[in-house]
């Protein structure tokens, strides 16, 4: 069994910021990440531009210098790689945590699987869960929503040239994907269960999207309830009548949700309505002493409540709480 003082699960921006905060207190935390660092950002569309300005994505007092005011995906990936190297963070990438459990002596057992199916077991005094939500897409819950031509992530538009594409959703990710697909020559239909455009759509992209809809270049269907998906069509209900549209490919851009398995198995209560774990909002410590959460996990099902620009500060409160706990132990 490998002994560690602090184990952080997840190497997204908030997990990295938490590791830096712990290092500044004199510890050398281990970060375990099932992919590579900031894997959620890597999965963003290739040419994605962030909503936030560069300064609001900075962690560890490392300046984020960009060409434009708002950074692009490739700039963010390079920045966080630089932070990891400059801060000399200890990270085990491509290692998936399978189980977290508190033991009778007050420490935690963390079981993980590394490359080559190597089993690892850690014993840690403190565990910080910073697993985010981007790995858990919401599903439609209808027949055919797991067919191979149904996607929950959009990378780039080129493969869909001259294809019939249905985009399901009405927020930023759906609109961004639609604009890119239309530019690449796809025949796009957008289906949204809302009555009108979402107020969350970025104001600088909505006019272009609305123009495409008005001109009939993009078909927009409001009040659409998806009933089933087949290899070549999407069926939906509108005004009590079922209709269908041709679909070679489907993008279900309907959001993501956090994975609560580790927290629940460790004894942390989860609010059934909001999806929020039971935790102290001042310290981010859960009801299981020594087990903390950082980043979007604290927001439950409302993932838009906590962004990088706010979640990056969670680590400092966590580090302060751990320091206080250590002082109590030493008295």
Foldseek 3Di string as FASTA:
>chain_A
DAEAAEEEEAQALLSLLLQLLLVVVPGQYEYEYQADHNVLLVLAAPFDWDPAFQVLLDGPPDGQDDPDRTDTSVSVVVVSVVVCVVSVHHYQYNKAWDAWAADPVQWIWIWIAHPPRDIDIYTYNFYEYAHAWSVFWDFLPAAARPDPQEAATDHAAQVQAQFEEEEEAAEARSLVNVVRNLVNHHQYEYEYLAPDHDPRHDPVRVVVSVVCCVVVSYHYHYNWRFHYDDCFWTWTDDPRDIDIDTHNHYHHNHGTFDDCVRVVNHPWDADPPFQATAADPQQQHTPSPRYGYFFQNRRGGPSVVTDSSRRSPNSNSNSVVVVVVVVVVVD
